[in-house]
Amino acid sequence: KIAQHDFISRDSFTVVELDSAISQPEAGESSSTGFVPSCLSCIHDFCKSIQEMERTASRRQIIFCTRPESITVASSVFLIGCHLIMGHNLGHEETFEAFRPVHDALHDVIACPHLSIKSCWR
């Protein structure tokens, strides 16, 4: 077996594509510089929209998806973590532990050696 999946009714989940929620580089700015945290207004708007989804469809699970590029995954993890911290009162350590494998795998896309997703959550 390559993978085992549980098939769920489409009525039991909502898929959220994060590509549009992630800040894109400004004109003339390079995306090769690595992960840069989203601005506060982007974080606020993302959390507000996810909280609205959770409120209006409380019985549905939310599934986040994004493109596989490392920088996009890092930005997605950052936003989801912000939502967990701000919207569900999870501590930054708990949030980091939930995403540790992803964080460790993405270490090379962090733009600054002293900046990490964990330090941004803190």
PDB file of N, CA and C in Angstrom:
ATOM      1  N   LYS A   1       0.835  -1.184   0.000  1.00  0.00           N
ATOM      2  CA  LYS A   1       0.000   0.000   0.000  1.00  0.00           C
ATOM      3  C   LYS A   1       0.879   1.246   0.000  1.00  0.00           C
ATOM      4  N   ILE A   2       0.576   2.153  -0.865  1.00  0.00           N
ATOM      5  CA  ILE A   2       1.320   3.417  -0.891  1.00  0.00           C
ATOM      6  C   ILE A   2       0.754   4.366   0.154  1.00  0.00           C
ATOM      7  N   ALA A   3      -0.551   4.492   0.198  1.00  0.00           N
ATOM      8  CA  ALA A   3      -1.192   5.380   1.166  1.00  0.00           C
ATOM      9  C   ALA A   3      -2.565   4.832   1.495  1.00  0.00           C
ATOM     10  N   GLN A   4      -3.005   5.116   2.675  1.00  0.00           N
ATOM     11  CA  GLN A   4      -4.329   4.681   3.082  1.00  0.00           C
ATOM     12  C   GLN A   4      -5.139   5.929   3.400  1.00  0.00           C
ATOM     13  N   HIS A   5      -6.310   6.044   2.822  1.00  0.00           N
ATOM     14  CA  HIS A   5      -7.138   7.230   2.993  1.00  0.00           C
ATOM     15  C   HIS A   5      -8.490   6.862   3.556  1.00  0.00           C
ATOM     16  N   ASP A   6      -9.011   7.704   4.411  1.00  0.00           N
ATOM     17  CA  ASP A   6     -10.395   7.585   4.844  1.00  0.00           C
ATOM     18  C   ASP A   6     -11.180   8.566   3.985  1.00  0.00           C
ATOM     19  N   PHE A   7     -12.157   8.075   3.291  1.00  0.00           N
ATOM     20  CA  PHE A   7     -12.958   8.942   2.449  1.00  0.00           C
ATOM     21  C   PHE A   7     -14.096   9.532   3.275  1.00  0.00           C
ATOM     22  N   ILE A   8     -14.239  10.836   3.205  1.00  0.00           N
ATOM     23  CA  ILE A   8     -15.221  11.552   4.003  1.00  0.00           C
ATOM     24  C   ILE A   8     -16.196  12.226   3.052  1.00  0.00           C
ATOM     25  N   SER A   9     -17.403  12.351   3.474  1.00  0.00           N
ATOM     26  CA  SER A   9     -18.395  13.065   2.687  1.00  0.00           C
ATOM     27  C   SER A   9     -17.942  14.511   2.502  1.00  0.00           C
ATOM     28  N   ARG A  10     -18.202  15.085   1.350  1.00  0.00           N
ATOM     29  CA  ARG A  10     -17.817  16.486   1.100  1.00  0.00           C
ATOM     30  C   ARG A  10     -18.542  17.437   2.041  1.00  0.00           C
ATOM     31  N   ASP A  11     -19.642  16.982   2.609  1.00  0.00           N
ATOM     32  CA  ASP A  11     -20.382  17.830   3.545  1.00  0.00           C
ATOM     33  C   ASP A  11     -19.691  17.952   4.890  1.00  0.00           C
ATOM     34  N   SER A  12     -18.665  17.154   5.124  1.00  0.00           N
ATOM     35  CA  SER A  12     -18.025  17.175   6.436  1.00  0.00           C
ATOM     36  C   SER A  12     -16.715  17.966   6.465  1.00  0.00           C
ATOM     37  N   PHE A  13     -16.323  18.559   5.342  1.00  0.00           N
ATOM     38  CA  PHE A  13     -15.094  19.354   5.357  1.00  0.00           C
ATOM     39  C   PHE A  13     -15.163  20.521   4.385  1.00  0.00           C
ATOM     40  N   THR A  14     -14.310  21.503   4.650  1.00  0.00           N
ATOM     41  CA  THR A  14     -14.153  22.671   3.788  1.00  0.00           C
ATOM     42  C   THR A  14     -12.683  22.771   3.427  1.00  0.00           C
ATOM     43  N   VAL A  15     -12.371  22.901   2.161  1.00  0.00           N
ATOM     44  CA  VAL A  15     -10.985  23.040   1.715  1.00  0.00           C
ATOM     45  C   VAL A  15     -10.683  24.521   1.514  1.00  0.00           C
ATOM     46  N   VAL A  16      -9.602  24.967   2.146  1.00  0.00           N
ATOM     47  CA  VAL A  16      -9.182  26.360   2.039  1.00  0.00           C
ATOM     48  C   VAL A  16      -7.841  26.385   1.316  1.00  0.00           C
ATOM     49  N   GLU A  17      -7.806  27.014   0.154  1.00  0.00           N
ATOM     50  CA  GLU A  17      -6.554  27.173  -0.587  1.00  0.00           C
ATOM     51  C   GLU A  17      -5.852  28.417  -0.067  1.00  0.00           C
ATOM     52  N   LEU A  18      -4.656  28.242   0.429  1.00  0.00           N
ATOM     53  CA  LEU A  18      -3.941  29.335   1.085  1.00  0.00           C
ATOM     54  C   LEU A  18      -3.141  30.218   0.138  1.00  0.00           C
ATOM     55  N   ASP A  19      -2.995  29.819  -1.099  1.00  0.00           N
ATOM     56  CA  ASP A  19      -2.159  30.591  -2.023  1.00  0.00           C
ATOM     57  C   ASP A  19      -2.567  32.057  -2.093  1.00  0.00           C
ATOM     58  N   SER A  20      -3.869  32.339  -2.070  1.00  0.00           N
ATOM     59  CA  SER A  20      -4.316  33.730  -2.167  1.00  0.00           C
ATOM     60  C   SER A  20      -4.143  34.482  -0.850  1.00  0.00           C
ATOM     61  N   ALA A  21      -4.019  33.761   0.277  1.00  0.00           N
ATOM     62  CA  ALA A  21      -3.857  34.408   1.582  1.00  0.00           C
ATOM     63  C   ALA A  21      -2.414  34.785   1.865  1.00  0.00           C
ATOM     64  N   ILE A  22      -1.501  34.257   1.069  1.00  0.00           N
ATOM     65  CA  ILE A  22      -0.077  34.476   1.314  1.00  0.00           C
ATOM     66  C   ILE A  22       0.386  35.719   0.580  1.00  0.00           C
ATOM     67  N   SER A  23       1.109  36.568   1.292  1.00  0.00           N
ATOM     68  CA  SER A  23       1.639  37.790   0.687  1.00  0.00           C
ATOM     69  C   SER A  23       2.597  37.443  -0.438  1.00  0.00           C
ATOM     70  N   GLN A  24       2.392  38.052  -1.574  1.00  0.00           N
ATOM     71  CA  GLN A  24       3.270  37.867  -2.718  1.00  0.00           C
ATOM     72  C   GLN A  24       4.310  38.981  -2.719  1.00  0.00           C
ATOM     73  N   PRO A  25       5.494  38.721  -3.272  1.00  0.00           N
ATOM     74  CA  PRO A  25       6.518  39.779  -3.312  1.00  0.00           C
ATOM     75  C   PRO A  25       6.032  40.995  -4.092  1.00  0.00           C
ATOM     76  N   GLU A  26       6.420  42.159  -3.636  1.00  0.00           N
ATOM     77  CA  GLU A  26       6.094  43.399  -4.336  1.00  0.00           C
ATOM     78  C   GLU A  26       6.822  43.420  -5.678  1.00  0.00           C
ATOM     79  N   ALA A  27       6.381  44.288  -6.591  1.00  0.00           N
ATOM     80  CA  ALA A  27       7.031  44.411  -7.885  1.00  0.00           C
ATOM     81  C   ALA A  27       8.500  44.774  -7.691  1.00  0.00           C
ATOM     82  N   GLY A  28       9.384  44.047  -8.348  1.00  0.00           N
ATOM     83  CA  GLY A  28      10.817  44.279  -8.232  1.00  0.00           C
ATOM     84  C   GLY A  28      11.459  43.590  -7.046  1.00  0.00           C
ATOM     85  N   GLU A  29      10.632  42.975  -6.177  1.00  0.00           N
ATOM     86  CA  GLU A  29      11.145  42.273  -4.996  1.00  0.00           C
ATOM     87  C   GLU A  29      11.331  40.807  -5.347  1.00  0.00           C
ATOM     88  N   SER A  30      12.390  40.212  -4.888  1.00  0.00           N
ATOM     89  CA  SER A  30      12.677  38.815  -5.194  1.00  0.00           C
ATOM     90  C   SER A  30      12.004  37.881  -4.204  1.00  0.00           C
ATOM     91  N   SER A  31      11.428  36.772  -4.700  1.00  0.00           N
ATOM     92  CA  SER A  31      10.847  35.779  -3.798  1.00  0.00           C
ATOM     93  C   SER A  31      11.910  34.796  -3.328  1.00  0.00           C
ATOM     94  N   SER A  32      13.135  34.934  -3.841  1.00  0.00           N
ATOM     95  CA  SER A  32      14.198  34.006  -3.479  1.00  0.00           C
ATOM     96  C   SER A  32      14.875  34.372  -2.160  1.00  0.00           C
ATOM     97  N   THR A  33      14.427  35.459  -1.525  1.00  0.00           N
ATOM     98  CA  THR A  33      15.053  35.866  -0.275  1.00  0.00           C
ATOM     99  C   THR A  33      14.650  34.970   0.881  1.00  0.00           C
ATOM    100  N   GLY A  34      13.619  34.166   0.726  1.00  0.00           N
ATOM    101  CA  GLY A  34      13.194  33.253   1.774  1.00  0.00           C
ATOM    102  C   GLY A  34      11.953  33.734   2.494  1.00  0.00           C
ATOM    103  N   PHE A  35      11.610  33.001   3.566  1.00  0.00           N
ATOM    104  CA  PHE A  35      10.416  33.296   4.348  1.00  0.00           C
ATOM    105  C   PHE A  35      10.505  34.652   5.015  1.00  0.00           C
ATOM    106  N   VAL A  36       9.453  35.409   4.875  1.00  0.00           N
ATOM    107  CA  VAL A  36       9.283  36.668   5.574  1.00  0.00           C
ATOM    108  C   VAL A  36       7.869  36.631   6.145  1.00  0.00           C
ATOM    109  N   PRO A  37       7.692  36.919   7.439  1.00  0.00           N
ATOM    110  CA  PRO A  37       6.353  36.839   8.020  1.00  0.00           C
ATOM    111  C   PRO A  37       5.360  37.777   7.345  1.00  0.00           C
ATOM    112  N   SER A  38       4.108  37.365   7.314  1.00  0.00           N
ATOM    113  CA  SER A  38       3.039  38.199   6.758  1.00  0.00           C
ATOM    114  C   SER A  38       2.863  39.441   7.623  1.00  0.00           C
ATOM    115  N   CYS A  39       2.346  40.495   7.011  1.00  0.00           N
ATOM    116  CA  CYS A  39       2.089  41.723   7.771  1.00  0.00           C
ATOM    117  C   CYS A  39       0.910  41.490   8.716  1.00  0.00           C
ATOM    118  N   LEU A  40       0.794  42.326   9.726  1.00  0.00           N
ATOM    119  CA  LEU A  40      -0.260  42.159  10.726  1.00  0.00           C
ATOM    120  C   LEU A  40      -1.662  42.211  10.138  1.00  0.00           C
ATOM    121  N   SER A  41      -1.876  43.058   9.149  1.00  0.00           N
ATOM    122  CA  SER A  41      -3.217  43.136   8.559  1.00  0.00           C
ATOM    123  C   SER A  41      -3.563  41.844   7.812  1.00  0.00           C
ATOM    124  N   CYS A  42      -2.571  41.209   7.173  1.00  0.00           N
ATOM    125  CA  CYS A  42      -2.808  39.921   6.493  1.00  0.00           C
ATOM    126  C   CYS A  42      -3.123  38.822   7.508  1.00  0.00           C
ATOM    127  N   ILE A  43      -2.389  38.819   8.631  1.00  0.00           N
ATOM    128  CA  ILE A  43      -2.637  37.834   9.686  1.00  0.00           C
ATOM    129  C   ILE A  43      -4.041  38.034  10.246  1.00  0.00           C
ATOM    130  N   HIS A  44      -4.404  39.284  10.526  1.00  0.00           N
ATOM    131  CA  HIS A  44      -5.727  39.596  11.067  1.00  0.00           C
ATOM    132  C   HIS A  44      -6.825  39.153  10.105  1.00  0.00           C
ATOM    133  N   ASP A  45      -6.681  39.502   8.829  1.00  0.00           N
ATOM    134  CA  ASP A  45      -7.702  39.134   7.834  1.00  0.00           C
ATOM    135  C   ASP A  45      -7.827  37.619   7.706  1.00  0.00           C
ATOM    136  N   PHE A  46      -6.701  36.914   7.714  1.00  0.00           N
ATOM    137  CA  PHE A  46      -6.721  35.454   7.614  1.00  0.00           C
ATOM    138  C   PHE A  46      -7.446  34.852   8.819  1.00  0.00           C
ATOM    139  N   CYS A  47      -7.059  35.267  10.019  1.00  0.00           N
ATOM    140  CA  CYS A  47      -7.675  34.727  11.238  1.00  0.00           C
ATOM    141  C   CYS A  47      -9.170  35.025  11.273  1.00  0.00           C
ATOM    142  N   LYS A  48      -9.537  36.229  10.878  1.00  0.00           N
ATOM    143  CA  LYS A  48     -10.945  36.622  10.870  1.00  0.00           C
ATOM    144  C   LYS A  48     -11.751  35.748   9.899  1.00  0.00           C
ATOM    145  N   SER A  49     -11.211  35.486   8.716  1.00  0.00           N
ATOM    146  CA  SER A  49     -11.946  34.682   7.738  1.00  0.00           C
ATOM    147  C   SER A  49     -12.058  33.219   8.178  1.00  0.00           C
ATOM    148  N   ILE A  50     -11.015  32.677   8.808  1.00  0.00           N
ATOM    149  CA  ILE A  50     -11.069  31.290   9.286  1.00  0.00           C
ATOM    150  C   ILE A  50     -12.033  31.185  10.468  1.00  0.00           C
ATOM    151  N   GLN A  51     -12.025  32.167  11.361  1.00  0.00           N
ATOM    152  CA  GLN A  51     -12.957  32.153  12.487  1.00  0.00           C
ATOM    153  C   GLN A  51     -14.404  32.213  11.987  1.00  0.00           C
ATOM    154  N   GLU A  52     -14.644  32.970  10.939  1.00  0.00           N
ATOM    155  CA  GLU A  52     -15.993  33.040  10.351  1.00  0.00           C
ATOM    156  C   GLU A  52     -16.390  31.676   9.782  1.00  0.00           C
ATOM    157  N   MET A  53     -15.461  31.013   9.101  1.00  0.00           N
ATOM    158  CA  MET A  53     -15.742  29.662   8.582  1.00  0.00           C
ATOM    159  C   MET A  53     -16.052  28.695   9.719  1.00  0.00           C
ATOM    160  N   GLU A  54     -15.266  28.775  10.776  1.00  0.00           N
ATOM    161  CA  GLU A  54     -15.476  27.882  11.921  1.00  0.00           C
ATOM    162  C   GLU A  54     -16.833  28.126  12.571  1.00  0.00           C
ATOM    163  N   ARG A  55     -17.241  29.383  12.626  1.00  0.00           N
ATOM    164  CA  ARG A  55     -18.519  29.727  13.251  1.00  0.00           C
ATOM    165  C   ARG A  55     -19.708  29.291  12.405  1.00  0.00           C
ATOM    166  N   THR A  56     -19.624  29.519  11.116  1.00  0.00           N
ATOM    167  CA  THR A  56     -20.764  29.213  10.247  1.00  0.00           C
ATOM    168  C   THR A  56     -20.869  27.737   9.876  1.00  0.00           C
ATOM    169  N   ALA A  57     -19.781  27.024   9.941  1.00  0.00           N
ATOM    170  CA  ALA A  57     -19.789  25.593   9.598  1.00  0.00           C
ATOM    171  C   ALA A  57     -19.090  24.810  10.704  1.00  0.00           C
ATOM    172  N   SER A  58     -19.619  24.912  11.909  1.00  0.00           N
ATOM    173  CA  SER A  58     -18.926  24.372  13.080  1.00  0.00           C
ATOM    174  C   SER A  58     -18.740  22.856  13.055  1.00  0.00           C
ATOM    175  N   ARG A  59     -19.554  22.150  12.290  1.00  0.00           N
ATOM    176  CA  ARG A  59     -19.418  20.690  12.239  1.00  0.00           C
ATOM    177  C   ARG A  59     -18.481  20.224  11.127  1.00  0.00           C
ATOM    178  N   ARG A  60     -18.013  21.151  10.343  1.00  0.00           N
ATOM    179  CA  ARG A  60     -17.127  20.789   9.235  1.00  0.00           C
ATOM    180  C   ARG A  60     -15.673  20.967   9.636  1.00  0.00           C
ATOM    181  N   GLN A  61     -14.831  20.062   9.166  1.00  0.00           N
ATOM    182  CA  GLN A  61     -13.390  20.195   9.370  1.00  0.00           C
ATOM    183  C   GLN A  61     -12.837  21.119   8.291  1.00  0.00           C
ATOM    184  N   ILE A  62     -11.830  21.889   8.650  1.00  0.00           N
ATOM    185  CA  ILE A  62     -11.181  22.764   7.674  1.00  0.00           C
ATOM    186  C   ILE A  62      -9.871  22.110   7.264  1.00  0.00           C
ATOM    187  N   ILE A  63      -9.698  21.959   5.970  1.00  0.00           N
ATOM    188  CA  ILE A  63      -8.482  21.378   5.410  1.00  0.00           C
ATOM    189  C   ILE A  63      -7.779  22.474   4.628  1.00  0.00           C
ATOM    190  N   PHE A  64      -6.522  22.761   5.000  1.00  0.00           N
ATOM    191  CA  PHE A  64      -5.745  23.781   4.316  1.00  0.00           C
ATOM    192  C   PHE A  64      -4.878  23.119   3.257  1.00  0.00           C
ATOM    193  N   CYS A  65      -4.790  23.746   2.098  1.00  0.00           N
ATOM    194  CA  CYS A  65      -3.886  23.246   1.061  1.00  0.00           C
ATOM    195  C   CYS A  65      -3.148  24.425   0.438  1.00  0.00           C
ATOM    196  N   THR A  66      -1.979  24.106  -0.108  1.00  0.00           N
ATOM    197  CA  THR A  66      -1.149  25.140  -0.724  1.00  0.00           C
ATOM    198  C   THR A  66      -0.226  24.495  -1.753  1.00  0.00           C
ATOM    199  N   ARG A  67       0.451  25.315  -2.509  1.00  0.00           N
ATOM    200  CA  ARG A  67       1.428  24.797  -3.474  1.00  0.00           C
ATOM    201  C   ARG A  67       2.588  24.162  -2.705  1.00  0.00           C
ATOM    202  N   PRO A  68       3.330  23.257  -3.347  1.00  0.00           N
ATOM    203  CA  PRO A  68       4.397  22.542  -2.632  1.00  0.00           C
ATOM    204  C   PRO A  68       5.722  23.299  -2.488  1.00  0.00           C
ATOM    205  N   GLU A  69       5.844  24.498  -3.049  1.00  0.00           N
ATOM    206  CA  GLU A  69       7.107  25.222  -2.935  1.00  0.00           C
ATOM    207  C   GLU A  69       7.394  25.536  -1.470  1.00  0.00           C
ATOM    208  N   SER A  70       8.624  25.367  -1.058  1.00  0.00           N
ATOM    209  CA  SER A  70       9.020  25.533   0.349  1.00  0.00           C
ATOM    210  C   SER A  70       8.606  26.869   0.933  1.00  0.00           C
ATOM    211  N   ILE A  71       8.811  27.948   0.196  1.00  0.00           N
ATOM    212  CA  ILE A  71       8.494  29.273   0.716  1.00  0.00           C
ATOM    213  C   ILE A  71       6.992  29.428   0.936  1.00  0.00           C
ATOM    214  N   THR A  72       6.188  28.836   0.057  1.00  0.00           N
ATOM    215  CA  THR A  72       4.732  28.897   0.186  1.00  0.00           C
ATOM    216  C   THR A  72       4.270  28.059   1.369  1.00  0.00           C
ATOM    217  N   VAL A  73       4.871  26.892   1.541  1.00  0.00           N
ATOM    218  CA  VAL A  73       4.539  26.035   2.687  1.00  0.00           C
ATOM    219  C   VAL A  73       4.905  26.750   3.987  1.00  0.00           C
ATOM    220  N   ALA A  74       6.076  27.376   4.043  1.00  0.00           N
ATOM    221  CA  ALA A  74       6.499  28.096   5.248  1.00  0.00           C
ATOM    222  C   ALA A  74       5.520  29.224   5.579  1.00  0.00           C
ATOM    223  N   SER A  75       5.109  29.974   4.584  1.00  0.00           N
ATOM    224  CA  SER A  75       4.158  31.067   4.806  1.00  0.00           C
ATOM    225  C   SER A  75       2.801  30.537   5.257  1.00  0.00           C
ATOM    226  N   SER A  76       2.388  29.407   4.704  1.00  0.00           N
ATOM    227  CA  SER A  76       1.116  28.786   5.089  1.00  0.00           C
ATOM    228  C   SER A  76       1.158  28.306   6.529  1.00  0.00           C
ATOM    229  N   VAL A  77       2.245  27.633   6.898  1.00  0.00           N
ATOM    230  CA  VAL A  77       2.414  27.156   8.277  1.00  0.00           C
ATOM    231  C   VAL A  77       2.379  28.340   9.236  1.00  0.00           C
ATOM    232  N   PHE A  78       3.034  29.422   8.866  1.00  0.00           N
ATOM    233  CA  PHE A  78       3.051  30.608   9.711  1.00  0.00           C
ATOM    234  C   PHE A  78       1.632  31.125   9.944  1.00  0.00           C
ATOM    235  N   LEU A  79       0.844  31.263   8.880  1.00  0.00           N
ATOM    236  CA  LEU A  79      -0.522  31.781   9.018  1.00  0.00           C
ATOM    237  C   LEU A  79      -1.414  30.849   9.830  1.00  0.00           C
ATOM    238  N   ILE A  80      -1.330  29.554   9.562  1.00  0.00           N
ATOM    239  CA  ILE A  80      -2.151  28.591  10.314  1.00  0.00           C
ATOM    240  C   ILE A  80      -1.760  28.641  11.792  1.00  0.00           C
ATOM    241  N   GLY A  81      -0.462  28.711  12.067  1.00  0.00           N
ATOM    242  CA  GLY A  81       0.006  28.817  13.448  1.00  0.00           C
ATOM    243  C   GLY A  81      -0.497  30.082  14.124  1.00  0.00           C
ATOM    244  N   CYS A  82      -0.477  31.188  13.410  1.00  0.00           N
ATOM    245  CA  CYS A  82      -1.010  32.444  13.960  1.00  0.00           C
ATOM    246  C   CYS A  82      -2.480  32.277  14.330  1.00  0.00           C
ATOM    247  N   HIS A  83      -3.223  31.601  13.469  1.00  0.00           N
ATOM    248  CA  HIS A  83      -4.641  31.365  13.755  1.00  0.00           C
ATOM    249  C   HIS A  83      -4.808  30.502  15.008  1.00  0.00           C
ATOM    250  N   LEU A  84      -3.993  29.465  15.155  1.00  0.00           N
ATOM    251  CA  LEU A  84      -4.088  28.605  16.336  1.00  0.00           C
ATOM    252  C   LEU A  84      -3.771  29.385  17.616  1.00  0.00           C
ATOM    253  N   ILE A  85      -2.787  30.255  17.542  1.00  0.00           N
ATOM    254  CA  ILE A  85      -2.390  31.051  18.710  1.00  0.00           C
ATOM    255  C   ILE A  85      -3.448  32.097  19.037  1.00  0.00           C
ATOM    256  N   MET A  86      -3.886  32.846  18.038  1.00  0.00           N
ATOM    257  CA  MET A  86      -4.814  33.940  18.276  1.00  0.00           C
ATOM    258  C   MET A  86      -6.261  33.484  18.390  1.00  0.00           C
ATOM    259  N   GLY A  87      -6.654  32.488  17.605  1.00  0.00           N
ATOM    260  CA  GLY A  87      -8.052  32.083  17.573  1.00  0.00           C
ATOM    261  C   GLY A  87      -8.418  30.949  18.504  1.00  0.00           C
ATOM    262  N   HIS A  88      -7.414  30.155  18.909  1.00  0.00           N
ATOM    263  CA  HIS A  88      -7.690  28.992  19.754  1.00  0.00           C
ATOM    264  C   HIS A  88      -6.871  29.005  21.046  1.00  0.00           C
ATOM    265  N   ASN A  89      -6.195  30.113  21.303  1.00  0.00           N
ATOM    266  CA  ASN A  89      -5.407  30.296  22.531  1.00  0.00           C
ATOM    267  C   ASN A  89      -4.376  29.201  22.772  1.00  0.00           C
ATOM    268  N   LEU A  90      -3.818  28.660  21.694  1.00  0.00           N
ATOM    269  CA  LEU A  90      -2.723  27.703  21.836  1.00  0.00           C
ATOM    270  C   LEU A  90      -1.451  28.500  22.113  1.00  0.00           C
ATOM    271  N   GLY A  91      -0.588  27.978  22.938  1.00  0.00           N
ATOM    272  CA  GLY A  91       0.681  28.644  23.199  1.00  0.00           C
ATOM    273  C   GLY A  91       1.623  28.481  22.013  1.00  0.00           C
ATOM    274  N   HIS A  92       2.618  29.354  21.919  1.00  0.00           N
ATOM    275  CA  HIS A  92       3.541  29.261  20.785  1.00  0.00           C
ATOM    276  C   HIS A  92       4.346  27.964  20.827  1.00  0.00           C
ATOM    277  N   GLU A  93       4.614  27.438  22.029  1.00  0.00           N
ATOM    278  CA  GLU A  93       5.355  26.171  22.132  1.00  0.00           C
ATOM    279  C   GLU A  93       4.513  25.006  21.616  1.00  0.00           C
ATOM    280  N   GLU A  94       3.231  24.965  21.998  1.00  0.00           N
ATOM    281  CA  GLU A  94       2.334  23.902  21.512  1.00  0.00           C
ATOM    282  C   GLU A  94       2.189  23.971  19.990  1.00  0.00           C
ATOM    283  N   THR A  95       2.063  25.171  19.501  1.00  0.00           N
ATOM    284  CA  THR A  95       1.921  25.363  18.060  1.00  0.00           C
ATOM    285  C   THR A  95       3.197  24.910  17.351  1.00  0.00           C
ATOM    286  N   PHE A  96       4.340  25.285  17.901  1.00  0.00           N
ATOM    287  CA  PHE A  96       5.606  24.873  17.306  1.00  0.00           C
ATOM    288  C   PHE A  96       5.735  23.353  17.285  1.00  0.00           C
ATOM    289  N   GLU A  97       5.379  22.697  18.382  1.00  0.00           N
ATOM    290  CA  GLU A  97       5.472  21.234  18.436  1.00  0.00           C
ATOM    291  C   GLU A  97       4.589  20.585  17.379  1.00  0.00           C
ATOM    292  N   ALA A  98       3.425  21.155  17.124  1.00  0.00           N
ATOM    293  CA  ALA A  98       2.531  20.614  16.099  1.00  0.00           C
ATOM    294  C   ALA A  98       3.155  20.701  14.706  1.00  0.00           C
ATOM    295  N   PHE A  99       3.965  21.733  14.485  1.00  0.00           N
ATOM    296  CA  PHE A  99       4.556  21.956  13.171  1.00  0.00           C
ATOM    297  C   PHE A  99       6.060  21.674  13.131  1.00  0.00           C
ATOM    298  N   ARG A 100       6.636  21.101  14.180  1.00  0.00           N
ATOM    299  CA  ARG A 100       8.086  20.889  14.242  1.00  0.00           C
ATOM    300  C   ARG A 100       8.648  20.190  13.003  1.00  0.00           C
ATOM    301  N   PRO A 101       8.061  19.080  12.531  1.00  0.00           N
ATOM    302  CA  PRO A 101       8.638  18.411  11.350  1.00  0.00           C
ATOM    303  C   PRO A 101       8.694  19.325  10.124  1.00  0.00           C
ATOM    304  N   VAL A 102       7.645  20.118   9.938  1.00  0.00           N
ATOM    305  CA  VAL A 102       7.619  21.040   8.794  1.00  0.00           C
ATOM    306  C   VAL A 102       8.648  22.141   9.007  1.00  0.00           C
ATOM    307  N   HIS A 103       8.693  22.691  10.208  1.00  0.00           N
ATOM    308  CA  HIS A 103       9.634  23.762  10.529  1.00  0.00           C
ATOM    309  C   HIS A 103      11.072  23.307  10.296  1.00  0.00           C
ATOM    310  N   ASP A 104      11.400  22.104  10.781  1.00  0.00           N
ATOM    311  CA  ASP A 104      12.760  21.590  10.615  1.00  0.00           C
ATOM    312  C   ASP A 104      13.099  21.371   9.143  1.00  0.00           C
ATOM    313  N   ALA A 105      12.134  20.881   8.373  1.00  0.00           N
ATOM    314  CA  ALA A 105      12.358  20.634   6.946  1.00  0.00           C
ATOM    315  C   ALA A 105      12.515  21.933   6.157  1.00  0.00           C
ATOM    316  N   LEU A 106      11.928  23.017   6.658  1.00  0.00           N
ATOM    317  CA  LEU A 106      11.952  24.293   5.932  1.00  0.00           C
ATOM    318  C   LEU A 106      13.039  25.240   6.432  1.00  0.00           C
ATOM    319  N   HIS A 107      13.910  24.770   7.287  1.00  0.00           N
ATOM    320  CA  HIS A 107      14.918  25.641   7.892  1.00  0.00           C
ATOM    321  C   HIS A 107      15.714  26.414   6.841  1.00  0.00           C
ATOM    322  N   ASP A 108      15.946  25.830   5.683  1.00  0.00           N
ATOM    323  CA  ASP A 108      16.763  26.475   4.658  1.00  0.00           C
ATOM    324  C   ASP A 108      16.068  27.622   3.932  1.00  0.00           C
ATOM    325  N   VAL A 109      14.760  27.805   4.110  1.00  0.00           N
ATOM    326  CA  VAL A 109      14.076  28.898   3.407  1.00  0.00           C
ATOM    327  C   VAL A 109      13.918  30.140   4.274  1.00  0.00           C
ATOM    328  N   ILE A 110      14.400  30.075   5.504  1.00  0.00           N
ATOM    329  CA  ILE A 110      14.312  31.236   6.386  1.00  0.00           C
ATOM    330  C   ILE A 110      15.338  32.271   5.912  1.00  0.00           C
ATOM    331  N   ALA A 111      14.872  33.495   5.688  1.00  0.00           N
ATOM    332  CA  ALA A 111      15.713  34.541   5.097  1.00  0.00           C
ATOM    333  C   ALA A 111      16.861  34.973   6.004  1.00  0.00           C
ATOM    334  N   CYS A 112      16.622  35.002   7.284  1.00  0.00           N
ATOM    335  CA  CYS A 112      17.615  35.509   8.234  1.00  0.00           C
ATOM    336  C   CYS A 112      17.955  34.393   9.218  1.00  0.00           C
ATOM    337  N   PRO A 113      19.225  34.185   9.534  1.00  0.00           N
ATOM    338  CA  PRO A 113      19.586  33.091  10.444  1.00  0.00           C
ATOM    339  C   PRO A 113      18.999  33.249  11.847  1.00  0.00           C
ATOM    340  N   HIS A 114      18.621  34.447  12.249  1.00  0.00           N
ATOM    341  CA  HIS A 114      18.083  34.680  13.585  1.00  0.00           C
ATOM    342  C   HIS A 114      16.549  34.726  13.578  1.00  0.00           C
ATOM    343  N   LEU A 115      15.942  34.495  12.421  1.00  0.00           N
ATOM    344  CA  LEU A 115      14.486  34.540  12.291  1.00  0.00           C
ATOM    345  C   LEU A 115      13.974  33.129  12.054  1.00  0.00           C
ATOM    346  N   SER A 116      12.984  32.752  12.790  1.00  0.00           N
ATOM    347  CA  SER A 116      12.348  31.463  12.557  1.00  0.00           C
ATOM    348  C   SER A 116      10.846  31.664  12.678  1.00  0.00           C
ATOM    349  N   ILE A 117      10.097  30.702  12.187  1.00  0.00           N
ATOM    350  CA  ILE A 117       8.649  30.789  12.331  1.00  0.00           C
ATOM    351  C   ILE A 117       8.301  30.808  13.819  1.00  0.00           C
ATOM    352  N   LYS A 118       9.009  30.001  14.590  1.00  0.00           N
ATOM    353  CA  LYS A 118       8.767  29.940  16.047  1.00  0.00           C
ATOM    354  C   LYS A 118       9.005  31.305  16.692  1.00  0.00           C
ATOM    355  N   SER A 119      10.084  31.983  16.312  1.00  0.00           N
ATOM    356  CA  SER A 119      10.371  33.286  16.920  1.00  0.00           C
ATOM    357  C   SER A 119       9.299  34.314  16.529  1.00  0.00           C
ATOM    358  N   CYS A 120       8.739  34.175  15.346  1.00  0.00           N
ATOM    359  CA  CYS A 120       7.648  35.075  14.931  1.00  0.00           C
ATOM    360  C   CYS A 120       6.390  34.812  15.756  1.00  0.00           C
ATOM    361  N   TRP A 121       6.112  33.537  16.034  1.00  0.00           N
ATOM    362  CA  TRP A 121       4.941  33.200  16.856  1.00  0.00           C
ATOM    363  C   TRP A 121       5.114  33.691  18.298  1.00  0.00           C
ATOM    364  N   ARG A 122       6.340  33.670  18.770  1.00  0.00           N
ATOM    365  CA  ARG A 122       6.615  34.075  20.156  1.00  0.00           C
ATOM    366  C   ARG A 122       6.315  35.549  20.306  1.00  0.00           C
TER     367      ARG A 122
END
